[in-house]
C-alpha atoms as a PDB file:
ATOM      1  CA  MET A   1     -87.514 -88.559 -79.682  1.00  0.00           C
ATOM      2  CA  LEU A   2     -87.419 -87.901 -83.689  1.00  0.00           C
ATOM      3  CA  TYR A   3     -83.971 -86.365 -83.088  1.00  0.00           C
ATOM      4  CA  PHE A   4     -82.804 -89.923 -81.121  1.00  0.00           C
ATOM      5  CA  THR A   5     -83.790 -91.956 -84.317  1.00  0.00           C
ATOM      6  CA  GLN A   6     -80.288 -91.386 -86.771  1.00  0.00           C
ATOM      7  CA  ILE A   7     -78.681 -93.089 -83.640  1.00  0.00           C
ATOM      8  CA  ILE A   8     -80.666 -95.711 -81.988  1.00  0.00           C
ATOM      9  CA  TYR A   9     -79.874 -97.976 -84.551  1.00  0.00           C
ATOM     10  CA  LYS A  10     -76.203 -97.461 -84.001  1.00  0.00           C
ATOM     11  CA  ALA A  11     -76.690 -98.102 -79.972  1.00  0.00           C
ATOM     12  CA  GLY A  12     -78.682-101.295 -80.711  1.00  0.00           C
ATOM     13  CA  VAL A  13     -81.864-100.727 -78.318  1.00  0.00           C
ATOM     14  CA  SER A  14     -85.214 -98.983 -78.641  1.00  0.00           C
ATOM     15  CA  GLU A  15     -86.846 -96.010 -78.875  1.00  0.00           C
ATOM     16  CA  ASP A  16     -87.900 -96.599 -75.227  1.00  0.00           C
ATOM     17  CA  ARG A  17     -85.177 -98.216 -74.362  1.00  0.00           C
ATOM     18  CA  ILE A  18     -83.473 -95.031 -74.692  1.00  0.00           C
ATOM     19  CA  ALA A  19     -86.021 -93.206 -73.302  1.00  0.00           C
ATOM     20  CA  VAL A  20     -85.281 -94.485 -69.829  1.00  0.00           C
ATOM     21  CA  LEU A  21     -81.851 -94.435 -69.707  1.00  0.00           C
ATOM     22  CA  ILE A  22     -81.453 -90.927 -70.507  1.00  0.00           C
ATOM     23  CA  THR A  23     -82.512 -88.551 -67.970  1.00  0.00           C
ATOM     24  CA  PRO A  24     -82.553 -84.601 -68.788  1.00  0.00           C
ATOM     25  CA  ALA A  25     -82.050 -82.087 -66.456  1.00  0.00           C
ATOM     26  CA  LYS A  26     -85.420 -80.917 -64.165  1.00  0.00           C
ATOM     27  CA  ASN A  27     -87.254 -78.399 -65.106  1.00  0.00           C
ATOM     28  CA  LYS A  28     -87.902 -75.807 -61.972  1.00  0.00           C
ATOM     29  CA  GLY A  29     -90.838 -77.981 -61.618  1.00  0.00           C
ATOM     30  CA  GLY A  30     -89.321 -81.505 -61.037  1.00  0.00           C
ATOM     31  CA  SER A  31     -90.630 -82.712 -64.095  1.00  0.00           C
ATOM     32  CA  TYR A  32     -88.074 -84.213 -66.637  1.00  0.00           C
ATOM     33  CA  LYS A  33     -88.120 -82.469 -70.500  1.00  0.00           C
ATOM     34  CA  TRP A  34     -85.973 -83.474 -73.256  1.00  0.00           C
ATOM     35  CA  GLN A  35     -82.991 -81.284 -73.930  1.00  0.00           C
ATOM     36  CA  LYS A  36     -82.480 -80.312 -77.587  1.00  0.00           C
ATOM     37  CA  ARG A  37     -78.878 -81.284 -78.430  1.00  0.00           C
ATOM     38  CA  GLU A  38     -77.261 -79.071 -81.214  1.00  0.00           C
ATOM     39  CA  ASN A  39     -74.327 -81.331 -81.424  1.00  0.00           C
ATOM     40  CA  PHE A  40     -74.860 -85.343 -83.033  1.00  0.00           C
ATOM     41  CA  MET A  41     -71.618 -86.123 -81.365  1.00  0.00           C
ATOM     42  CA  GLU A  42     -73.022 -84.918 -78.439  1.00  0.00           C
ATOM     43  CA  CYS A  43     -75.967 -87.058 -78.344  1.00  0.00           C
ATOM     44  CA  GLU A  44     -73.931 -90.404 -79.731  1.00  0.00           C
ATOM     45  CA  THR A  45     -71.690 -89.867 -76.900  1.00  0.00           C
ATOM     46  CA  ILE A  46     -74.202 -89.697 -74.149  1.00  0.00           C
ATOM     47  CA  ILE A  47     -76.018 -93.055 -75.637  1.00  0.00           C
ATOM     48  CA  CYS A  48     -72.372 -94.950 -75.327  1.00  0.00           C
ATOM     49  CA  LEU A  49     -71.925 -93.948 -71.785  1.00  0.00           C
ATOM     50  CA  VAL A  50     -74.871 -95.240 -70.799  1.00  0.00           C
ATOM     51  CA  MET A  51     -74.655 -98.453 -72.789  1.00  0.00           C
ATOM     52  CA  ARG A  52     -71.144 -98.418 -71.150  1.00  0.00           C
ATOM     53  CA  ARG A  53     -69.410 -98.107 -74.232  1.00  0.00           C
ATOM     54  CA  ASP A  54     -67.498 -95.313 -74.833  1.00  0.00           C
ATOM     55  CA  PRO A  55     -66.786 -93.555 -77.898  1.00  0.00           C
ATOM     56  CA  ALA A  56     -63.485 -93.896 -77.999  1.00  0.00           C
ATOM     57  CA  LYS A  57     -63.627 -97.265 -77.933  1.00  0.00           C
ATOM     58  CA  LEU A  58     -65.679 -97.740 -80.659  1.00  0.00           C
ATOM     59  CA  GLY A  59     -64.172 -99.844 -83.205  1.00  0.00           C
ATOM     60  CA  GLY A  60     -61.652-101.540 -80.344  1.00  0.00           C
ATOM     61  CA  ALA A  61     -58.995-103.327 -82.142  1.00  0.00           C
ATOM     62  CA  LEU A  62     -58.757-100.074 -84.665  1.00  0.00           C
ATOM     63  CA  MET A  63     -58.916 -97.591 -82.053  1.00  0.00           C
ATOM     64  CA  THR A  64     -55.988 -99.402 -80.537  1.00  0.00           C
ATOM     65  CA  ASN A  65     -54.412 -99.908 -83.587  1.00  0.00           C
ATOM     66  CA  ALA A  66     -54.491 -96.299 -83.846  1.00  0.00           C
ATOM     67  CA  VAL A  67     -53.309 -95.606 -80.470  1.00  0.00           C
ATOM     68  CA  LEU A  68     -50.084 -98.012 -80.855  1.00  0.00           C
ATOM     69  CA  GLN A  69     -49.542 -96.172 -84.438  1.00  0.00           C
ATOM     70  CA  LYS A  70     -49.414 -92.335 -82.827  1.00  0.00           C
ATOM     71  CA  ASN A  71     -47.813 -92.776 -79.862  1.00  0.00           C
ATOM     72  CA  GLU A  72     -44.404 -95.526 -80.358  1.00  0.00           C
ATOM     73  CA  GLU A  73     -43.964 -95.418 -76.241  1.00  0.00           C
ATOM     74  CA  VAL A  74     -47.415 -96.966 -76.027  1.00  0.00           C
ATOM     75  CA  LEU A  75     -46.590 -99.642 -78.796  1.00  0.00           C
ATOM     76  CA  ARG A  76     -43.000 -99.947 -77.288  1.00  0.00           C
ATOM     77  CA  ASN A  77     -44.245-100.625 -73.370  1.00  0.00           C
ATOM     78  CA  LEU A  78     -46.674-103.167 -74.964  1.00  0.00           C
ATOM     79  CA  LEU A  79     -44.086-105.141 -76.945  1.00  0.00           C
ATOM     80  CA  ALA A  80     -41.757-104.548 -73.969  1.00  0.00           C
ATOM     81  CA  THR A  81     -44.489-106.973 -71.913  1.00  0.00           C
ATOM     82  CA  LEU A  82     -45.217-108.849 -74.536  1.00  0.00           C
ATOM     83  CA  LEU A  83     -41.770-110.114 -75.472  1.00  0.00           C
ATOM     84  CA  GLU A  84     -40.551-110.261 -71.973  1.00  0.00           C
ATOM     85  CA  MET A  85     -37.509-107.898 -72.867  1.00  0.00           C
ATOM     86  CA  ASP A  86     -36.250-104.018 -71.498  1.00  0.00           C
ATOM     87  CA  GLU A  87     -37.829-101.721 -72.882  1.00  0.00           C
ATOM     88  CA  ALA A  88     -34.471-100.398 -73.276  1.00  0.00           C
ATOM     89  CA  ASP A  89     -33.428-103.118 -75.516  1.00  0.00           C
ATOM     90  CA  ILE A  90     -36.036-101.807 -77.804  1.00  0.00           C
ATOM     91  CA  VAL A  91     -33.817 -99.379 -80.000  1.00  0.00           C
ATOM     92  CA  ASP A  92     -35.966 -99.177 -83.107  1.00  0.00           C
ATOM     93  CA  CYS A  93     -39.579-100.608 -83.990  1.00  0.00           C
ATOM     94  CA  HIS A  94     -41.168 -99.781 -87.543  1.00  0.00           C
ATOM     95  CA  LEU A  95     -44.206-100.336 -88.237  1.00  0.00           C
ATOM     96  CA  GLU A  96     -45.141-101.607 -91.549  1.00  0.00           C
ATOM     97  CA  ASN A  97     -48.530-101.899 -91.865  1.00  0.00           C
ATOM     98  CA  PRO A  98     -49.495 -98.051 -90.394  1.00  0.00           C
ATOM     99  CA  ILE A  99     -53.426 -97.352 -90.881  1.00  0.00           C
ATOM    100  CA  GLU A 100     -54.555 -94.461 -92.836  1.00  0.00           C
ATOM    101  CA  LEU A 101     -56.634 -93.070 -90.247  1.00  0.00           C
ATOM    102  CA  GLY A 102     -59.685 -90.888 -90.800  1.00  0.00           C
ATOM    103  CA  LYS A 103     -59.772 -92.963 -94.392  1.00  0.00           C
ATOM    104  CA  GLU A 104     -63.255 -94.033 -95.854  1.00  0.00           C
ATOM    105  CA  ILE A 105     -63.360 -97.324 -96.590  1.00  0.00           C
ATOM    106  CA  GLU A 106     -65.222-100.987 -96.161  1.00  0.00           C
ATOM    107  CA  GLY A 107     -65.109-102.805 -93.058  1.00  0.00           C
ATOM    108  CA  LYS A 108     -63.554-105.632 -94.474  1.00  0.00           C
ATOM    109  CA  GLU A 109     -60.992-104.099 -96.357  1.00  0.00           C
ATOM    110  CA  CYS A 110     -59.227-102.525 -92.634  1.00  0.00           C
ATOM    111  CA  ILE A 111     -56.367-104.797 -91.270  1.00  0.00           C
ATOM    112  CA  LEU A 112     -56.433-105.082 -87.906  1.00  0.00           C
ATOM    113  CA  ASP A 113     -53.046-107.070 -86.924  1.00  0.00           C
ATOM    114  CA  VAL A 114     -50.133-104.783 -86.087  1.00  0.00           C
ATOM    115  CA  LYS A 115     -47.156-105.737 -88.246  1.00  0.00           C
ATOM    116  CA  LEU A 116     -43.813-104.851 -87.573  1.00  0.00           C
ATOM    117  CA  THR A 117     -39.984-104.970 -87.637  1.00  0.00           C
ATOM    118  CA  LEU A 118     -38.112-105.027 -84.154  1.00  0.00           C
ATOM    119  CA  ASN A 119     -34.542-103.574 -83.722  1.00  0.00           C
ATOM    120  CA  ASN A 120     -34.549-105.045 -87.480  1.00  0.00           C
ATOM    121  CA  ALA A 121     -34.038-108.243 -86.322  1.00  0.00           C
ATOM    122  CA  LYS A 122     -37.356-109.316 -85.768  1.00  0.00           C
ATOM    123  CA  ILE A 123     -40.235-109.581 -87.318  1.00  0.00           C
ATOM    124  CA  ILE A 124     -43.763-109.216 -84.760  1.00  0.00           C
ATOM    125  CA  ASN A 125     -47.250-109.106 -85.886  1.00  0.00           C
ATOM    126  CA  ILE A 126     -49.954-108.457 -82.860  1.00  0.00           C
ATOM    127  CA  GLU A 127     -53.569-109.272 -83.346  1.00  0.00           C
ATOM    128  CA  LEU A 128     -56.305-107.843 -81.038  1.00  0.00           C
ATOM    129  CA  GLN A 129     -59.573-110.134 -81.352  1.00  0.00           C
ATOM    130  CA  VAL A 130     -62.547-109.948 -79.619  1.00  0.00           C
ATOM    131  CA  TYR A 131     -64.640-112.433 -81.974  1.00  0.00           C
ATOM    132  CA  LYS A 132     -64.292-116.282 -81.149  1.00  0.00           C
ATOM    133  CA  GLN A 133     -62.492-117.680 -84.150  1.00  0.00           C
ATOM    134  CA  THR A 134     -63.444-121.261 -84.658  1.00  0.00           C
ATOM    135  CA  TYR A 135     -60.082-121.511 -87.098  1.00  0.00           C
ATOM    136  CA  TRP A 136     -58.059-118.709 -85.008  1.00  0.00           C
ATOM    137  CA  VAL A 137     -54.901-121.895 -84.756  1.00  0.00           C
ATOM    138  CA  GLU A 138     -54.766-122.212 -88.873  1.00  0.00           C
ATOM    139  CA  ARG A 139     -55.392-118.183 -89.004  1.00  0.00           C
ATOM    140  CA  SER A 140     -52.098-117.634 -86.910  1.00  0.00           C
ATOM    141  CA  LEU A 141     -50.328-120.295 -89.016  1.00  0.00           C
ATOM    142  CA  LEU A 142     -51.126-118.413 -91.799  1.00  0.00           C
ATOM    143  CA  TYR A 143     -50.348-115.011 -90.700  1.00  0.00           C
ATOM    144  CA  TRP A 144     -46.839-116.437 -89.330  1.00  0.00           C
ATOM    145  CA  ALA A 145     -46.158-117.663 -92.479  1.00  0.00           C
ATOM    146  CA  ARG A 146     -46.946-114.880 -94.662  1.00  0.00           C
ATOM    147  CA  ALA A 147     -44.522-113.017 -92.108  1.00  0.00           C
ATOM    148  CA  PHE A 148     -41.964-114.947 -91.948  1.00  0.00           C
ATOM    149  CA  ASP A 149     -41.482-115.121 -95.719  1.00  0.00           C
ATOM    150  CA  SER A 150     -39.648-111.993 -95.957  1.00  0.00           C
ATOM    151  CA  LEU A 151     -37.065-112.566 -98.429  1.00  0.00           C
ATOM    152  CA  LYS A 152     -36.054-110.483-100.911  1.00  0.00           C
ATOM    153  CA  SER A 153     -34.856-111.014-104.351  1.00  0.00           C
ATOM    154  CA  GLY A 154     -30.773-111.510-103.606  1.00  0.00           C
ATOM    155  CA  GLN A 155     -31.558-112.644-100.065  1.00  0.00           C
ATOM    156  CA  ASP A 156     -30.399-116.115 -98.808  1.00  0.00           C
ATOM    157  CA  TYR A 157     -32.019-118.342 -96.187  1.00  0.00           C
ATOM    158  CA  SER A 158     -29.943-117.014 -93.427  1.00  0.00           C
ATOM    159  CA  MET A 159     -31.319-113.642 -93.980  1.00  0.00           C
ATOM    160  CA  LEU A 160     -35.430-115.097 -92.594  1.00  0.00           C
ATOM    161  CA  LEU A 161     -35.840-113.235 -89.268  1.00  0.00           C
ATOM    162  CA  PRO A 162     -36.856-114.813 -86.117  1.00  0.00           C
ATOM    163  CA  THR A 163     -41.484-114.307 -86.860  1.00  0.00           C
ATOM    164  CA  TYR A 164     -43.838-113.739 -83.258  1.00  0.00           C
ATOM    165  CA  HIS A 165     -46.940-113.951 -83.971  1.00  0.00           C
ATOM    166  CA  ILE A 166     -49.152-112.551 -81.033  1.00  0.00           C
ATOM    167  CA  GLY A 167     -52.708-113.046 -80.397  1.00  0.00           C
ATOM    168  CA  ILE A 168     -54.650-111.288 -77.897  1.00  0.00           C
ATOM    169  CA  LEU A 169     -57.642-112.791 -77.674  1.00  0.00           C
ATOM    170  CA  ASP A 170     -60.857-112.390 -75.788  1.00  0.00           C
ATOM    171  CA  PHE A 171     -62.384-116.024 -75.619  1.00  0.00           C
ATOM    172  CA  THR A 172     -60.240-119.025 -74.413  1.00  0.00           C
ATOM    173  CA  LEU A 173     -58.427-120.983 -77.617  1.00  0.00           C
ATOM    174  CA  PHE A 174     -58.159-124.302 -76.160  1.00  0.00           C
ATOM    175  CA  GLU A 175     -61.019-125.136 -73.699  1.00  0.00           C
ATOM    176  CA  ASP A 176     -59.478-127.903 -72.380  1.00  0.00           C
ATOM    177  CA  HIS A 177     -56.287-126.041 -71.565  1.00  0.00           C
ATOM    178  CA  PRO A 178     -56.785-122.730 -70.551  1.00  0.00           C
ATOM    179  CA  LYS A 179     -53.538-120.220 -70.199  1.00  0.00           C
ATOM    180  CA  PHE A 180     -53.563-116.596 -69.779  1.00  0.00           C
ATOM    181  CA  MET A 181     -50.139-116.442 -71.549  1.00  0.00           C
ATOM    182  CA  ALA A 182     -48.781-118.865 -73.573  1.00  0.00           C
ATOM    183  CA  GLN A 183     -45.863-119.598 -75.590  1.00  0.00           C
ATOM    184  CA  TYR A 184     -45.920-122.287 -78.347  1.00  0.00           C
ATOM    185  CA  LEU A 185     -42.906-123.367 -80.573  1.00  0.00           C
ATOM    186  CA  ILE A 186     -41.639-125.601 -82.577  1.00  0.00           C
ATOM    187  CA  MET A 187     -39.532-128.581 -80.849  1.00  0.00           C
ATOM    188  CA  ASP A 188     -38.705-132.213 -80.850  1.00  0.00           C
ATOM    189  CA  ALA A 189     -41.231-134.112 -79.045  1.00  0.00           C
ATOM    190  CA  GLU A 190     -39.494-136.235 -77.515  1.00  0.00           C
ATOM    191  CA  ASP A 191     -36.830-133.922 -75.505  1.00  0.00           C
ATOM    192  CA  LYS A 192     -38.180-130.721 -76.156  1.00  0.00           C
ATOM    193  CA  PHE A 193     -35.225-129.934 -78.421  1.00  0.00           C
ATOM    194  CA  GLN A 194     -35.964-126.442 -79.637  1.00  0.00           C
ATOM    195  CA  TYR A 195     -35.737-127.283 -83.968  1.00  0.00           C
ATOM    196  CA  SER A 196     -35.743-123.384 -84.372  1.00  0.00           C
ATOM    197  CA  ASP A 197     -36.392-120.106 -82.463  1.00  0.00           C
ATOM    198  CA  LYS A 198     -37.660-118.224 -85.799  1.00  0.00           C
ATOM    199  CA  LEU A 199     -41.189-119.316 -84.938  1.00  0.00           C
ATOM    200  CA  CYS A 200     -43.269-118.389 -81.782  1.00  0.00           C
ATOM    201  CA  ILE A 201     -46.479-117.772 -81.720  1.00  0.00           C
ATOM    202  CA  LYS A 202     -47.442-116.142 -78.173  1.00  0.00           C
ATOM    203  CA  VAL A 203     -51.104-116.314 -76.953  1.00  0.00           C
ATOM    204  CA  LEU A 204     -52.877-113.475 -74.274  1.00  0.00           C
ATOM    205  CA  ASP A 205     -56.826-115.017 -73.141  1.00  0.00           C
ATOM    206  CA  LEU A 206     -58.250-112.036 -71.545  1.00  0.00           C
ATOM    207  CA  THR A 207     -60.649-114.040 -70.292  1.00  0.00           C
ATOM    208  CA  GLN A 208     -58.244-115.706 -67.542  1.00  0.00           C
ATOM    209  CA  LEU A 209     -57.294-112.577 -65.833  1.00  0.00           C
ATOM    210  CA  ASP A 210     -59.246-112.598 -63.133  1.00  0.00           C
ATOM    211  CA  ALA A 211     -57.584-116.397 -62.640  1.00  0.00           C
ATOM    212  CA  ALA A 212     -54.116-115.282 -63.839  1.00  0.00           C
ATOM    213  CA  ARG A 213     -54.816-112.375 -60.773  1.00  0.00           C
ATOM    214  CA  LYS A 214     -54.398-115.036 -58.519  1.00  0.00           C
ATOM    215  CA  GLN A 215     -51.516-116.961 -59.767  1.00  0.00           C
ATOM    216  CA  LYS A 216     -48.044-116.295 -57.795  1.00  0.00           C
ATOM    217  CA  ASN A 217     -45.311-114.992 -60.197  1.00  0.00           C
ATOM    218  CA  VAL A 218     -47.412-113.296 -62.591  1.00  0.00           C
ATOM    219  CA  ASN A 219     -46.094-110.589 -65.085  1.00  0.00           C
ATOM    220  CA  LYS A 220     -47.057-107.432 -63.378  1.00  0.00           C
ATOM    221  CA  LYS A 221     -47.281-105.609 -66.424  1.00  0.00           C
ATOM    222  CA  LEU A 222     -48.509-108.539 -68.092  1.00  0.00           C
ATOM    223  CA  LEU A 223     -51.857-107.974 -66.031  1.00  0.00           C
ATOM    224  CA  LYS A 224     -51.859-104.597 -66.499  1.00  0.00           C
ATOM    225  CA  TRP A 225     -52.081-104.359 -70.395  1.00  0.00           C
ATOM    226  CA  ALA A 226     -54.823-107.182 -70.070  1.00  0.00           C
ATOM    227  CA  SER A 227     -56.534-104.868 -67.986  1.00  0.00           C
ATOM    228  CA  ILE A 228     -56.799-102.232 -70.372  1.00  0.00           C
ATOM    229  CA  PHE A 229     -57.827-103.970 -72.867  1.00  0.00           C
ATOM    230  CA  LYS A 230     -60.475-105.377 -70.957  1.00  0.00           C
ATOM    231  CA  ALA A 231     -61.457-101.676 -69.826  1.00  0.00           C
ATOM    232  CA  GLU A 232     -64.691-100.686 -71.291  1.00  0.00           C
ATOM    233  CA  THR A 233     -64.382 -96.743 -70.675  1.00  0.00           C
ATOM    234  CA  LEU A 234     -62.299 -94.089 -70.725  1.00  0.00           C
ATOM    235  CA  GLU A 235     -63.286 -93.748 -66.808  1.00  0.00           C
ATOM    236  CA  GLU A 236     -61.826 -97.157 -66.286  1.00  0.00           C
ATOM    237  CA  LEU A 237     -58.872 -96.354 -68.867  1.00  0.00           C
ATOM    238  CA  GLU A 238     -57.685 -93.012 -66.559  1.00  0.00           C
ATOM    239  CA  GLN A 239     -58.143 -95.299 -63.522  1.00  0.00           C
ATOM    240  CA  LEU A 240     -56.463 -98.303 -64.554  1.00  0.00           C
ATOM    241  CA  ALA A 241     -53.381 -95.332 -65.658  1.00  0.00           C
ATOM    242  CA  ASN A 242     -53.528 -94.161 -61.949  1.00  0.00           C
ATOM    243  CA  GLY A 243     -50.335 -91.974 -62.592  1.00  0.00           C
ATOM    244  CA  GLU A 244     -48.299 -93.818 -64.688  1.00  0.00           C
ATOM    245  CA  GLU A 245     -46.937 -91.878 -67.677  1.00  0.00           C
ATOM    246  CA  VAL A 246     -47.129 -94.239 -70.452  1.00  0.00           C
ATOM    247  CA  PHE A 247     -50.686 -94.949 -69.805  1.00  0.00           C
ATOM    248  CA  GLU A 248     -51.590 -91.743 -69.008  1.00  0.00           C
ATOM    249  CA  LYS A 249     -50.034 -90.465 -72.406  1.00  0.00           C
ATOM    250  CA  MET A 250     -51.866 -93.870 -74.012  1.00  0.00           C
ATOM    251  CA  VAL A 251     -55.354 -92.553 -72.488  1.00  0.00           C
ATOM    252  CA  VAL A 252     -54.898 -88.777 -73.914  1.00  0.00           C
ATOM    253  CA  THR A 253     -53.780 -89.965 -77.406  1.00  0.00           C
ATOM    254  CA  MET A 254     -56.959 -91.934 -77.408  1.00  0.00           C
ATOM    255  CA  LYS A 255     -59.089 -89.205 -76.355  1.00  0.00           C
ATOM    256  CA  LYS A 256     -57.227 -87.156 -79.237  1.00  0.00           C
ATOM    257  CA  LEU A 257     -57.696 -89.792 -81.973  1.00  0.00           C
ATOM    258  CA  SER A 258     -61.758 -89.998 -80.703  1.00  0.00           C
ATOM    259  CA  GLU A 259     -62.367 -86.640 -81.211  1.00  0.00           C
ATOM    260  CA  ASP A 260     -61.738 -86.970 -84.796  1.00  0.00           C
ATOM    261  CA  GLU A 261     -65.013 -87.138 -86.141  1.00  0.00           C
ATOM    262  CA  LYS A 262     -63.443 -88.863 -88.951  1.00  0.00           C
ATOM    263  CA  ILE A 263     -60.951 -91.044 -87.459  1.00  0.00           C
ATOM    264  CA  ARG A 264     -64.612 -91.768 -85.150  1.00  0.00           C
ATOM    265  CA  MET A 265     -66.534 -92.999 -88.194  1.00  0.00           C
ATOM    266  CA  GLN A 266     -63.726 -95.178 -89.771  1.00  0.00           C
ATOM    267  CA  CYS A 267     -63.980 -97.194 -86.159  1.00  0.00           C
ATOM    268  CA  GLU A 268     -67.814 -97.177 -86.101  1.00  0.00           C
ATOM    269  CA  ALA A 269     -67.534 -98.750 -89.746  1.00  0.00           C
ATOM    270  CA  ARG A 270     -65.431-101.644 -89.041  1.00  0.00           C
ATOM    271  CA  GLU A 271     -67.506-102.334 -84.960  1.00  0.00           C
ATOM    272  CA  ASP A 272     -70.475-102.418 -88.017  1.00  0.00           C
ATOM    273  CA  TYR A 273     -68.912-104.520 -89.932  1.00  0.00           C
ATOM    274  CA  GLU A 274     -67.865-106.893 -87.325  1.00  0.00           C
ATOM    275  CA  ARG A 275     -70.827-106.937 -85.730  1.00  0.00           C
ATOM    276  CA  CYS A 276     -72.813-107.714 -88.949  1.00  0.00           C
ATOM    277  CA  LEU A 277     -70.483-110.763 -88.861  1.00  0.00           C
ATOM    278  CA  LEU A 278     -70.943-111.657 -85.664  1.00  0.00           C
ATOM    279  CA  SER A 279     -75.027-111.696 -86.267  1.00  0.00           C
ATOM    280  CA  GLU A 280     -74.892-113.822 -89.364  1.00  0.00           C
ATOM    281  CA  PHE A 281     -72.514-116.165 -87.662  1.00  0.00           C
ATOM    282  CA  ASN A 282     -75.211-116.608 -84.347  1.00  0.00           C
ATOM    283  CA  ALA A 283     -78.097-116.570 -87.301  1.00  0.00           C
ATOM    284  CA  GLY A 284     -76.344-119.577 -89.150  1.00  0.00           C
ATOM    285  CA  LYS A 285     -75.677-121.143 -86.043  1.00  0.00           C
ATOM    286  CA  ARG A 286     -79.209-121.204 -84.700  1.00  0.00           C
ATOM    287  CA  GLU A 287     -80.608-122.077 -88.391  1.00  0.00           C
ATOM    288  CA  GLY A 288     -78.009-125.463 -88.212  1.00  0.00           C
ATOM    289  CA  GLU A 289     -79.434-125.692 -84.389  1.00  0.00           C
ATOM    290  CA  GLU A 290     -82.615-126.315 -85.936  1.00  0.00           C
ATOM    291  CA  ILE A 291     -82.101-128.368 -88.868  1.00  0.00           C
ATOM    292  CA  GLY A 292     -80.009-130.331 -86.694  1.00  0.00           C
ATOM    293  CA  GLU A 293     -82.716-131.028 -83.762  1.00  0.00           C
ATOM    294  CA  LYS A 294     -85.484-131.346 -86.476  1.00  0.00           C
ATOM    295  CA  ARG A 295     -83.650-134.301 -88.180  1.00  0.00           C
ATOM    296  CA  GLY A 296     -83.067-135.857 -84.952  1.00  0.00           C
ATOM    297  CA  ARG A 297     -86.298-135.963 -84.342  1.00  0.00           C
ATOM    298  CA  ILE A 298     -87.313-137.233 -87.837  1.00  0.00           C
ATOM    299  CA  ALA A 299     -84.694-140.037 -87.371  1.00  0.00           C
ATOM    300  CA  GLY A 300     -85.900-140.809 -83.819  1.00  0.00           C
ATOM    301  CA  LYS A 301     -89.279-140.949 -85.397  1.00  0.00           C
ATOM    302  CA  ALA A 302     -88.415-143.407 -88.532  1.00  0.00           C
ATOM    303  CA  GLU A 303     -85.864-145.838 -85.514  1.00  0.00           C
ATOM    304  CA  ALA A 304     -89.085-146.474 -83.336  1.00  0.00           C
ATOM    305  CA  LEU A 305     -91.525-147.015 -86.677  1.00  0.00           C
ATOM    306  CA  THR A 306     -88.117-149.936 -87.461  1.00  0.00           C
ATOM    307  CA  GLU A 307     -88.444-151.437 -84.112  1.00  0.00           C
ATOM    308  CA  LEU A 308     -92.519-151.287 -84.264  1.00  0.00           C
ATOM    309  CA  ILE A 309     -92.420-153.403 -87.658  1.00  0.00           C
ATOM    310  CA  ASN A 310     -89.337-155.772 -86.617  1.00  0.00           C
ATOM    311  CA  ASN A 311     -91.859-156.497 -83.534  1.00  0.00           C
ATOM    312  CA  LEU A 312     -94.520-157.299 -85.433  1.00  0.00           C
ATOM    313  CA  MET A 313     -92.462-159.276 -87.985  1.00  0.00           C
ATOM    314  CA  GLU A 314     -91.276-161.460 -84.646  1.00  0.00           C
ATOM    315  CA  THR A 315     -94.592-161.594 -82.452  1.00  0.00           C
ATOM    316  CA  GLN A 316     -96.637-161.690 -85.325  1.00  0.00           C
ATOM    317  CA  HIS A 317     -94.241-164.109 -87.150  1.00  0.00           C
ATOM    318  CA  ILE A 318     -95.247-161.792 -90.379  1.00  0.00           C
ATOM    319  CA  SER A 319     -93.044-160.757 -93.418  1.00  0.00           C
ATOM    320  CA  GLU A 320     -91.793-157.000 -93.307  1.00  0.00           C
ATOM    321  CA  GLU A 321     -94.621-156.176 -96.124  1.00  0.00           C
ATOM    322  CA  GLU A 322     -97.323-157.714 -94.310  1.00  0.00           C
ATOM    323  CA  ALA A 323     -95.831-155.695 -90.782  1.00  0.00           C
ATOM    324  CA  LYS A 324     -96.006-152.561 -93.073  1.00  0.00           C
ATOM    325  CA  LYS A 325     -99.491-152.994 -94.531  1.00  0.00           C
ATOM    326  CA  MET A 326    -100.993-153.851 -90.578  1.00  0.00           C
ATOM    327  CA  LEU A 327     -99.332-150.080 -89.961  1.00  0.00           C
ATOM    328  CA  LYS A 328    -100.836-148.908 -93.269  1.00  0.00           C
ATOM    329  CA  LEU A 329     -97.513-147.928 -94.523  1.00  0.00           C
END
């Protein structure tokens, strides 16, 4: 059991939980024994599979970005689906912020959005976000503005390119307006006349996938990609690929990347960083709720006391000071 101590922390489960989950081969007598694992990564793979978290998915967004960077065919298919265009019309897609795969970096330094120039005519920024962001709307506007501000010295305003910020979110952005795929433009509030075609923010809400499957006229390719993003294991991805060449290639690329120890460590570092942020957020939220409840109780007592003093003043025809003396305040 001591051998697994190094990785139990990463898996986020207790030792006794691991002991229950991992069932090695039986002895001839029918009893179980712990098998000695010579390869650390082999042990980690076992835990990831048992916890329904495939090693290739460690790092989530970072692994996805790595796949898109390594396999242009997959990237083109995703772009065509998100932008609702014919893939044959994609002549060139130039990645503006490639990740240095395997580089030892701090989680906070890792850029998780994919920024590219499409056919030298459009700027596309794709962000995969699995954790709820309170200010994602404001953040998306800032990201869009930064990407749109692409003029270089000597260029005039006509050189500004249409800019798209596409959020692939695993949370609902507007609870009172859930939508599988939304497109936001800048236009006249009365007659919807479009002010400019150079601003577009699109949001794919992965939590609406099940509802979207029941709707008519939904983009089948979009459903497929949403299912891909929601997949938890390589086995699920392989089933979803189902002989489709581009998705088969995506699975192959992901497997190759997951076999590179440096890339895996890079993905793990990012996931650990995000998990720490989420933990701190939840801890702060709980603390805030506790403080709020305490203040609420105090406020409630103060209100009740004020009411009691007022009742005494009214029924006994006494002053506030006399009422407080009666209550020994």
